[in-house]
PDB file of N, CA and C in Angstrom:
ATOM      1  N   MET A   1     -27.708 -27.337 -86.177  1.00  0.00           N
ATOM      2  CA  MET A   1     -28.679 -28.362 -86.503  1.00  0.00           C
ATOM      3  C   MET A   1     -29.495 -28.748 -85.269  1.00  0.00           C
ATOM      4  N   LYS A   2     -28.831 -28.712 -84.116  1.00  0.00           N
ATOM      5  CA  LYS A   2     -29.515 -29.055 -82.869  1.00  0.00           C
ATOM      6  C   LYS A   2     -30.651 -28.062 -82.582  1.00  0.00           C
ATOM      7  N   HIS A   3     -30.407 -26.781 -82.807  1.00  0.00           N
ATOM      8  CA  HIS A   3     -31.417 -25.759 -82.541  1.00  0.00           C
ATOM      9  C   HIS A   3     -32.610 -25.913 -83.477  1.00  0.00           C
ATOM     10  N   LEU A   4     -32.325 -26.232 -84.718  1.00  0.00           N
ATOM     11  CA  LEU A   4     -33.385 -26.444 -85.694  1.00  0.00           C
ATOM     12  C   LEU A   4     -34.238 -27.654 -85.319  1.00  0.00           C
ATOM     13  N   SER A   5     -33.603 -28.708 -84.848  1.00  0.00           N
ATOM     14  CA  SER A   5     -34.333 -29.917 -84.434  1.00  0.00           C
ATOM     15  C   SER A   5     -35.233 -29.649 -83.235  1.00  0.00           C
ATOM     16  N   ILE A   6     -34.733 -28.918 -82.281  1.00  0.00           N
ATOM     17  CA  ILE A   6     -35.540 -28.578 -81.106  1.00  0.00           C
ATOM     18  C   ILE A   6     -36.720 -27.699 -81.498  1.00  0.00           C
ATOM     19  N   GLY A   7     -36.473 -26.723 -82.365  1.00  0.00           N
ATOM     20  CA  GLY A   7     -37.552 -25.864 -82.843  1.00  0.00           C
ATOM     21  C   GLY A   7     -38.598 -26.660 -83.608  1.00  0.00           C
ATOM     22  N   LEU A   8     -38.154 -27.587 -84.449  1.00  0.00           N
ATOM     23  CA  LEU A   8     -39.079 -28.414 -85.218  1.00  0.00           C
ATOM     24  C   LEU A   8     -39.904 -29.323 -84.311  1.00  0.00           C
ATOM     25  N   LEU A   9     -39.271 -29.899 -83.318  1.00  0.00           N
ATOM     26  CA  LEU A   9     -39.997 -30.748 -82.367  1.00  0.00           C
ATOM     27  C   LEU A   9     -41.051 -29.939 -81.606  1.00  0.00           C
ATOM     28  N   CYS A  10     -40.697 -28.757 -81.161  1.00  0.00           N
ATOM     29  CA  CYS A  10     -41.660 -27.887 -80.477  1.00  0.00           C
ATOM     30  C   CYS A  10     -42.811 -27.513 -81.406  1.00  0.00           C
ATOM     31  N   GLY A  11     -42.504 -27.233 -82.655  1.00  0.00           N
ATOM     32  CA  GLY A  11     -43.535 -26.870 -83.617  1.00  0.00           C
ATOM     33  C   GLY A  11     -44.503 -28.001 -83.899  1.00  0.00           C
ATOM     34  N   ILE A  12     -43.994 -29.216 -84.051  1.00  0.00           N
ATOM     35  CA  ILE A  12     -44.864 -30.371 -84.329  1.00  0.00           C
ATOM     36  C   ILE A  12     -45.763 -30.676 -83.138  1.00  0.00           C
ATOM     37  N   ILE A  13     -45.186 -30.677 -81.952  1.00  0.00           N
ATOM     38  CA  ILE A  13     -45.987 -30.946 -80.753  1.00  0.00           C
ATOM     39  C   ILE A  13     -47.042 -29.866 -80.553  1.00  0.00           C
ATOM     40  N   SER A  14     -46.657 -28.616 -80.764  1.00  0.00           N
ATOM     41  CA  SER A  14     -47.598 -27.518 -80.599  1.00  0.00           C
ATOM     42  C   SER A  14     -48.701 -27.556 -81.652  1.00  0.00           C
ATOM     43  N   TYR A  15     -48.375 -27.944 -82.884  1.00  0.00           N
ATOM     44  CA  TYR A  15     -49.390 -28.064 -83.927  1.00  0.00           C
ATOM     45  C   TYR A  15     -50.455 -29.072 -83.506  1.00  0.00           C
ATOM     46  N   MET A  16     -50.026 -30.233 -83.040  1.00  0.00           N
ATOM     47  CA  MET A  16     -50.985 -31.264 -82.639  1.00  0.00           C
ATOM     48  C   MET A  16     -51.819 -30.810 -81.449  1.00  0.00           C
ATOM     49  N   LEU A  17     -51.173 -30.194 -80.476  1.00  0.00           N
ATOM     50  CA  LEU A  17     -51.881 -29.733 -79.287  1.00  0.00           C
ATOM     51  C   LEU A  17     -52.848 -28.598 -79.617  1.00  0.00           C
ATOM     52  N   MET A  18     -52.410 -27.644 -80.407  1.00  0.00           N
ATOM     53  CA  MET A  18     -53.254 -26.505 -80.768  1.00  0.00           C
ATOM     54  C   MET A  18     -54.440 -26.941 -81.622  1.00  0.00           C
ATOM     55  N   THR A  19     -54.215 -27.875 -82.533  1.00  0.00           N
ATOM     56  CA  THR A  19     -55.312 -28.371 -83.362  1.00  0.00           C
ATOM     57  C   THR A  19     -56.362 -29.058 -82.508  1.00  0.00           C
ATOM     58  N   THR A  20     -55.942 -29.879 -81.572  1.00  0.00           N
ATOM     59  CA  THR A  20     -56.879 -30.596 -80.709  1.00  0.00           C
ATOM     60  C   THR A  20     -57.660 -29.639 -79.813  1.00  0.00           C
ATOM     61  N   VAL A  21     -56.959 -28.721 -79.172  1.00  0.00           N
ATOM     62  CA  VAL A  21     -57.620 -27.789 -78.260  1.00  0.00           C
ATOM     63  C   VAL A  21     -58.576 -26.865 -79.012  1.00  0.00           C
ATOM     64  N   SER A  22     -58.156 -26.368 -80.165  1.00  0.00           N
ATOM     65  CA  SER A  22     -59.043 -25.465 -80.915  1.00  0.00           C
ATOM     66  C   SER A  22     -60.246 -26.211 -81.473  1.00  0.00           C
ATOM     67  N   TYR A  23     -60.084 -27.468 -81.863  1.00  0.00           N
ATOM     68  CA  TYR A  23     -61.220 -28.261 -82.334  1.00  0.00           C
ATOM     69  C   TYR A  23     -62.262 -28.413 -81.217  1.00  0.00           C
ATOM     70  N   ILE A  24     -61.801 -28.749 -80.024  1.00  0.00           N
ATOM     71  CA  ILE A  24     -62.713 -28.922 -78.888  1.00  0.00           C
ATOM     72  C   ILE A  24     -63.406 -27.604 -78.547  1.00  0.00           C
ATOM     73  N   MET A  25     -62.664 -26.505 -78.552  1.00  0.00           N
ATOM     74  CA  MET A  25     -63.270 -25.218 -78.203  1.00  0.00           C
ATOM     75  C   MET A  25     -64.273 -24.753 -79.253  1.00  0.00           C
ATOM     76  N   ILE A  26     -63.967 -24.963 -80.524  1.00  0.00           N
ATOM     77  CA  ILE A  26     -64.914 -24.569 -81.566  1.00  0.00           C
ATOM     78  C   ILE A  26     -66.171 -25.432 -81.497  1.00  0.00           C
ATOM     79  N   MET A  27     -66.011 -26.723 -81.256  1.00  0.00           N
ATOM     80  CA  MET A  27     -67.183 -27.606 -81.136  1.00  0.00           C
ATOM     81  C   MET A  27     -68.059 -27.183 -79.955  1.00  0.00           C
ATOM     82  N   ARG A  28     -67.449 -26.719 -78.903  1.00  0.00           N
ATOM     83  CA  ARG A  28     -68.208 -26.345 -77.711  1.00  0.00           C
ATOM     84  C   ARG A  28     -68.874 -24.972 -77.838  1.00  0.00           C
ATOM     85  N   PHE A  29     -68.185 -23.997 -78.423  1.00  0.00           N
ATOM     86  CA  PHE A  29     -68.671 -22.624 -78.382  1.00  0.00           C
ATOM     87  C   PHE A  29     -69.234 -22.082 -79.700  1.00  0.00           C
ATOM     88  N   SER A  30     -69.173 -22.834 -80.773  1.00  0.00           N
ATOM     89  CA  SER A  30     -69.679 -22.337 -82.047  1.00  0.00           C
ATOM     90  C   SER A  30     -71.204 -22.347 -82.057  1.00  0.00           C
ATOM     91  N   SER A  31     -71.785 -21.291 -82.613  1.00  0.00           N
ATOM     92  CA  SER A  31     -73.245 -21.227 -82.713  1.00  0.00           C
ATOM     93  C   SER A  31     -73.749 -21.841 -84.016  1.00  0.00           C
ATOM     94  N   ASN A  32     -72.846 -22.263 -84.866  1.00  0.00           N
ATOM     95  CA  ASN A  32     -73.209 -22.868 -86.140  1.00  0.00           C
ATOM     96  C   ASN A  32     -73.768 -24.278 -85.888  1.00  0.00           C
ATOM     97  N   MET A  33     -74.998 -24.519 -86.262  1.00  0.00           N
ATOM     98  CA  MET A  33     -75.628 -25.815 -86.010  1.00  0.00           C
ATOM     99  C   MET A  33     -75.575 -26.757 -87.214  1.00  0.00           C
ATOM    100  N   TYR A  34     -75.406 -26.199 -88.405  1.00  0.00           N
ATOM    101  CA  TYR A  34     -75.506 -27.022 -89.607  1.00  0.00           C
ATOM    102  C   TYR A  34     -74.228 -27.823 -89.878  1.00  0.00           C
ATOM    103  N   ASP A  35     -73.101 -27.180 -89.882  1.00  0.00           N
ATOM    104  CA  ASP A  35     -71.846 -27.873 -90.187  1.00  0.00           C
ATOM    105  C   ASP A  35     -70.745 -27.516 -89.188  1.00  0.00           C
ATOM    106  N   ARG A  36     -71.055 -27.672 -87.932  1.00  0.00           N
ATOM    107  CA  ARG A  36     -70.119 -27.339 -86.855  1.00  0.00           C
ATOM    108  C   ARG A  36     -68.841 -28.177 -86.941  1.00  0.00           C
ATOM    109  N   GLN A  37     -68.975 -29.464 -87.269  1.00  0.00           N
ATOM    110  CA  GLN A  37     -67.798 -30.330 -87.340  1.00  0.00           C
ATOM    111  C   GLN A  37     -66.855 -29.924 -88.471  1.00  0.00           C
ATOM    112  N   VAL A  38     -67.423 -29.532 -89.601  1.00  0.00           N
ATOM    113  CA  VAL A  38     -66.594 -29.083 -90.723  1.00  0.00           C
ATOM    114  C   VAL A  38     -65.893 -27.780 -90.366  1.00  0.00           C
ATOM    115  N   GLU A  39     -66.627 -26.868 -89.747  1.00  0.00           N
ATOM    116  CA  GLU A  39     -66.037 -25.594 -89.330  1.00  0.00           C
ATOM    117  C   GLU A  39     -64.894 -25.825 -88.345  1.00  0.00           C
ATOM    118  N   ALA A  40     -65.116 -26.699 -87.378  1.00  0.00           N
ATOM    119  CA  ALA A  40     -64.091 -26.964 -86.372  1.00  0.00           C
ATOM    120  C   ALA A  40     -62.867 -27.625 -86.992  1.00  0.00           C
ATOM    121  N   ALA A  41     -63.073 -28.581 -87.868  1.00  0.00           N
ATOM    122  CA  ALA A  41     -61.947 -29.291 -88.473  1.00  0.00           C
ATOM    123  C   ALA A  41     -61.112 -28.371 -89.362  1.00  0.00           C
ATOM    124  N   THR A  42     -61.772 -27.599 -90.214  1.00  0.00           N
ATOM    125  CA  THR A  42     -61.014 -26.741 -91.124  1.00  0.00           C
ATOM    126  C   THR A  42     -60.330 -25.596 -90.398  1.00  0.00           C
ATOM    127  N   THR A  43     -61.019 -24.971 -89.488  1.00  0.00           N
ATOM    128  CA  THR A  43     -60.401 -23.867 -88.755  1.00  0.00           C
ATOM    129  C   THR A  43     -59.216 -24.355 -87.928  1.00  0.00           C
ATOM    130  N   SER A  44     -59.361 -25.508 -87.309  1.00  0.00           N
ATOM    131  CA  SER A  44     -58.276 -26.040 -86.485  1.00  0.00           C
ATOM    132  C   SER A  44     -57.082 -26.465 -87.318  1.00  0.00           C
ATOM    133  N   ALA A  45     -57.323 -27.200 -88.404  1.00  0.00           N
ATOM    134  CA  ALA A  45     -56.228 -27.764 -89.182  1.00  0.00           C
ATOM    135  C   ALA A  45     -55.551 -26.749 -90.099  1.00  0.00           C
ATOM    136  N   ILE A  46     -56.302 -25.751 -90.573  1.00  0.00           N
ATOM    137  CA  ILE A  46     -55.737 -24.842 -91.569  1.00  0.00           C
ATOM    138  C   ILE A  46     -55.284 -23.514 -90.975  1.00  0.00           C
ATOM    139  N   ILE A  47     -55.937 -23.049 -89.912  1.00  0.00           N
ATOM    140  CA  ILE A  47     -55.596 -21.718 -89.383  1.00  0.00           C
ATOM    141  C   ILE A  47     -54.915 -21.797 -88.014  1.00  0.00           C
ATOM    142  N   LEU A  48     -55.589 -22.341 -87.031  1.00  0.00           N
ATOM    143  CA  LEU A  48     -55.075 -22.265 -85.662  1.00  0.00           C
ATOM    144  C   LEU A  48     -53.921 -23.238 -85.388  1.00  0.00           C
ATOM    145  N   GLY A  49     -53.970 -24.424 -85.957  1.00  0.00           N
ATOM    146  CA  GLY A  49     -52.884 -25.389 -85.770  1.00  0.00           C
ATOM    147  C   GLY A  49     -51.558 -24.882 -86.311  1.00  0.00           C
ATOM    148  N   PRO A  50     -51.511 -24.461 -87.589  1.00  0.00           N
ATOM    149  CA  PRO A  50     -50.248 -23.937 -88.118  1.00  0.00           C
ATOM    150  C   PRO A  50     -49.760 -22.665 -87.408  1.00  0.00           C
ATOM    151  N   LEU A  51     -50.691 -21.823 -86.984  1.00  0.00           N
ATOM    152  CA  LEU A  51     -50.296 -20.617 -86.258  1.00  0.00           C
ATOM    153  C   LEU A  51     -49.576 -20.986 -84.959  1.00  0.00           C
ATOM    154  N   GLY A  52     -50.151 -21.913 -84.212  1.00  0.00           N
ATOM    155  CA  GLY A  52     -49.500 -22.365 -82.977  1.00  0.00           C
ATOM    156  C   GLY A  52     -48.185 -23.068 -83.250  1.00  0.00           C
ATOM    157  N   GLY A  53     -48.129 -23.848 -84.326  1.00  0.00           N
ATOM    158  CA  GLY A  53     -46.896 -24.551 -84.675  1.00  0.00           C
ATOM    159  C   GLY A  53     -45.774 -23.604 -85.048  1.00  0.00           C
ATOM    160  N   ILE A  54     -46.089 -22.581 -85.823  1.00  0.00           N
ATOM    161  CA  ILE A  54     -45.061 -21.610 -86.233  1.00  0.00           C
ATOM    162  C   ILE A  54     -44.547 -20.825 -85.028  1.00  0.00           C
ATOM    163  N   LEU A  55     -45.470 -20.387 -84.173  1.00  0.00           N
ATOM    164  CA  LEU A  55     -45.050 -19.643 -82.983  1.00  0.00           C
ATOM    165  C   LEU A  55     -44.192 -20.508 -82.055  1.00  0.00           C
ATOM    166  N   ALA A  56     -44.571 -21.777 -81.892  1.00  0.00           N
ATOM    167  CA  ALA A  56     -43.795 -22.670 -81.030  1.00  0.00           C
ATOM    168  C   ALA A  56     -42.447 -23.005 -81.650  1.00  0.00           C
ATOM    169  N   PHE A  57     -42.389 -23.121 -82.984  1.00  0.00           N
ATOM    170  CA  PHE A  57     -41.104 -23.364 -83.648  1.00  0.00           C
ATOM    171  C   PHE A  57     -40.136 -22.221 -83.373  1.00  0.00           C
ATOM    172  N   VAL A  58     -40.607 -20.995 -83.543  1.00  0.00           N
ATOM    173  CA  VAL A  58     -39.752 -19.829 -83.311  1.00  0.00           C
ATOM    174  C   VAL A  58     -39.341 -19.759 -81.842  1.00  0.00           C
ATOM    175  N   ALA A  59     -40.295 -19.984 -80.941  1.00  0.00           N
ATOM    176  CA  ALA A  59     -39.983 -19.930 -79.512  1.00  0.00           C
ATOM    177  C   ALA A  59     -38.999 -21.036 -79.117  1.00  0.00           C
ATOM    178  N   GLY A  60     -39.200 -22.249 -79.617  1.00  0.00           N
ATOM    179  CA  GLY A  60     -38.294 -23.355 -79.304  1.00  0.00           C
ATOM    180  C   GLY A  60     -36.902 -23.129 -79.866  1.00  0.00           C
ATOM    181  N   TYR A  61     -36.834 -22.591 -81.072  1.00  0.00           N
ATOM    182  CA  TYR A  61     -35.540 -22.301 -81.689  1.00  0.00           C
ATOM    183  C   TYR A  61     -34.785 -21.243 -80.891  1.00  0.00           C
ATOM    184  N   LEU A  62     -35.465 -20.160 -80.564  1.00  0.00           N
ATOM    185  CA  LEU A  62     -34.822 -19.088 -79.801  1.00  0.00           C
ATOM    186  C   LEU A  62     -34.462 -19.542 -78.391  1.00  0.00           C
ATOM    187  N   TRP A  63     -35.318 -20.345 -77.786  1.00  0.00           N
ATOM    188  CA  TRP A  63     -35.037 -20.852 -76.442  1.00  0.00           C
ATOM    189  C   TRP A  63     -33.801 -21.742 -76.447  1.00  0.00           C
ATOM    190  N   SER A  64     -33.690 -22.613 -77.456  1.00  0.00           N
ATOM    191  CA  SER A  64     -32.533 -23.516 -77.492  1.00  0.00           C
ATOM    192  C   SER A  64     -31.234 -22.744 -77.736  1.00  0.00           C
ATOM    193  N   LYS A  65     -31.305 -21.685 -78.518  1.00  0.00           N
ATOM    194  CA  LYS A  65     -30.103 -20.867 -78.717  1.00  0.00           C
ATOM    195  C   LYS A  65     -29.725 -20.130 -77.433  1.00  0.00           C
ATOM    196  N   ASP A  66     -30.735 -19.662 -76.696  1.00  0.00           N
ATOM    197  CA  ASP A  66     -30.485 -18.942 -75.452  1.00  0.00           C
ATOM    198  C   ASP A  66     -29.891 -19.876 -74.393  1.00  0.00           C
ATOM    199  N   VAL A  67     -30.399 -21.095 -74.327  1.00  0.00           N
ATOM    200  CA  VAL A  67     -29.893 -22.061 -73.338  1.00  0.00           C
ATOM    201  C   VAL A  67     -28.457 -22.436 -73.666  1.00  0.00           C
ATOM    202  N   SER A  68     -28.126 -22.583 -74.935  1.00  0.00           N
ATOM    203  CA  SER A  68     -26.766 -22.978 -75.290  1.00  0.00           C
ATOM    204  C   SER A  68     -25.762 -21.846 -75.011  1.00  0.00           C
ATOM    205  N   TYR A  69     -26.186 -20.594 -75.127  1.00  0.00           N
ATOM    206  CA  TYR A  69     -25.291 -19.481 -74.824  1.00  0.00           C
ATOM    207  C   TYR A  69     -25.080 -19.314 -73.327  1.00  0.00           C
ATOM    208  N   ALA A  70     -26.027 -19.769 -72.524  1.00  0.00           N
ATOM    209  CA  ALA A  70     -25.932 -19.619 -71.073  1.00  0.00           C
ATOM    210  C   ALA A  70     -24.903 -20.569 -70.479  1.00  0.00           C
ATOM    211  N   ARG A  71     -24.569 -21.620 -71.198  1.00  0.00           N
ATOM    212  CA  ARG A  71     -23.620 -22.624 -70.648  1.00  0.00           C
ATOM    213  C   ARG A  71     -22.221 -22.177 -70.698  1.00  0.00           C
TER     214      ARG A  71
END
């Protein structure tokens, strides 16, 4: 249960961080002038945020298992 909690915490933090960073980058570098804010919000919240969260969950889970075996 401890490993799952650590993985979940890493995933939630990474989701928030990835969503914020991708929103800022899309707003800065997108050539879309008509609905840039909508593009940034949807891409960040639906695609890039969950992708970062899932990857961080797996990494946090595996890291916590590795640290516990090292003790």
